[in-house]
Amino acid sequence: MRMIEDLFYGNICTCEKSLTRGSEYSHLLELTVKNEEKLYVLLSPQQKEDYEKVKDCITDVNNILEKEAFIDGFRLYQCCASEYT
């Protein structure tokens, strides 16, 4: 029950992520940044504006997916917890 209270009071921030150097995530993030920088210099001002809009949409989609994954995980926890009570 303490974990739920901590979550409720904001003592646990589920949006904070730690980045481990050398991890698959770290490697893909570095590769994404490198390729984005190479692409960005080739774009016209209008293309840069359009590209930023696409990135904003991707961020919004990722935020929705993260929220849904959290909800699914919480529901799974509830199902598992109810079996043992």
Protein backbone atom coordinates (compact mmCIF):
# COMPACT_ATOMS: atom_id res chain seq x y z
CA MET A 1 0.00 0.00 0.00
CA ARG A 2 2.94 2.33 0.64
CA MET A 3 3.87 2.35 -3.05
CA ILE A 4 0.38 3.46 -4.05
CA GLU A 5 0.52 6.25 -1.46
CA ASP A 6 3.93 7.35 -2.76
CA LEU A 7 2.54 7.39 -6.29
CA PHE A 8 -0.50 9.37 -5.17
CA TYR A 9 1.56 11.98 -3.31
CA GLY A 10 3.99 12.39 -6.20
CA ASN A 11 6.94 10.75 -4.45
CA ILE A 12 7.35 8.41 -7.41
CA CYS A 13 7.68 9.94 -10.84
CA THR A 14 6.91 7.31 -13.45
CA CYS A 15 8.04 9.60 -16.26
CA GLU A 16 11.67 9.78 -15.12
CA LYS A 17 13.91 7.36 -16.92
CA SER A 18 17.48 6.48 -16.17
CA LEU A 19 19.84 6.12 -19.10
CA THR A 20 22.45 3.41 -18.91
CA ARG A 21 25.46 4.07 -21.12
CA GLY A 22 26.03 1.33 -23.63
CA SER A 23 22.46 0.05 -23.40
CA GLU A 24 20.41 -0.64 -26.51
CA TYR A 25 18.24 2.38 -25.68
CA SER A 26 21.29 4.62 -25.30
CA HIS A 27 22.73 3.42 -28.60
CA LEU A 28 19.47 3.98 -30.47
CA LEU A 29 19.05 7.43 -28.94
CA GLU A 30 22.56 8.45 -30.01
CA LEU A 31 21.93 7.09 -33.51
CA THR A 32 18.64 8.97 -33.75
CA VAL A 33 20.25 12.27 -32.70
CA LYS A 34 23.16 11.81 -35.11
CA ASN A 35 20.88 11.03 -38.06
CA GLU A 36 18.47 13.81 -37.18
CA GLU A 37 21.31 16.35 -37.13
CA LYS A 38 22.54 15.15 -40.54
CA LEU A 39 19.05 15.37 -42.01
CA TYR A 40 18.12 18.71 -40.44
CA VAL A 41 20.89 20.68 -42.17
CA LEU A 42 19.60 19.53 -45.56
CA LEU A 43 16.09 20.84 -45.02
CA SER A 44 14.67 24.16 -46.21
CA PRO A 45 13.05 26.43 -43.61
CA GLN A 46 9.57 25.18 -44.60
CA GLN A 47 10.71 21.56 -44.44
CA LYS A 48 12.22 22.19 -41.00
CA GLU A 49 8.90 23.58 -39.81
CA ASP A 50 7.06 20.54 -41.20
CA TYR A 51 9.61 18.21 -39.65
CA GLU A 52 9.13 19.83 -36.23
CA LYS A 53 5.37 19.29 -36.56
CA VAL A 54 5.95 15.61 -37.35
CA LYS A 55 8.25 15.29 -34.29
CA ASP A 56 5.58 16.92 -32.11
CA CYS A 57 2.98 14.40 -33.35
CA ILE A 58 5.36 11.51 -32.68
CA THR A 59 5.94 12.82 -29.15
CA ASP A 60 2.18 13.02 -28.57
CA VAL A 61 1.70 9.45 -29.81
CA ASN A 62 4.55 8.21 -27.58
CA ASN A 63 3.01 9.98 -24.57
CA ILE A 64 -0.32 8.25 -25.22
CA LEU A 65 1.41 4.87 -25.58
CA GLU A 66 3.32 5.40 -22.31
CA LYS A 67 0.10 6.26 -20.49
CA GLU A 68 -1.68 3.21 -21.90
CA ALA A 69 1.26 0.95 -20.99
CA PHE A 70 1.17 2.30 -17.43
CA ILE A 71 -2.56 1.69 -17.18
CA ASP A 72 -2.18 -1.83 -18.60
CA GLY A 73 0.60 -2.58 -16.11
CA PHE A 74 -1.47 -1.30 -13.23
CA ARG A 75 -4.45 -3.41 -14.32
CA LEU A 76 -2.21 -6.46 -14.55
CA TYR A 77 -0.92 -5.73 -11.06
CA GLN A 78 -4.49 -5.50 -9.77
CA CYS A 79 -5.37 -8.85 -11.34
CA CYS A 80 -2.32 -10.52 -9.86
CA ALA A 81 -2.83 -8.92 -6.45
CA SER A 82 -6.47 -9.97 -6.33
CA GLU A 83 -5.48 -13.61 -6.85
CA TYR A 84 -3.36 -13.58 -3.70
CA THR A 85 -5.77 -11.81 -1.35
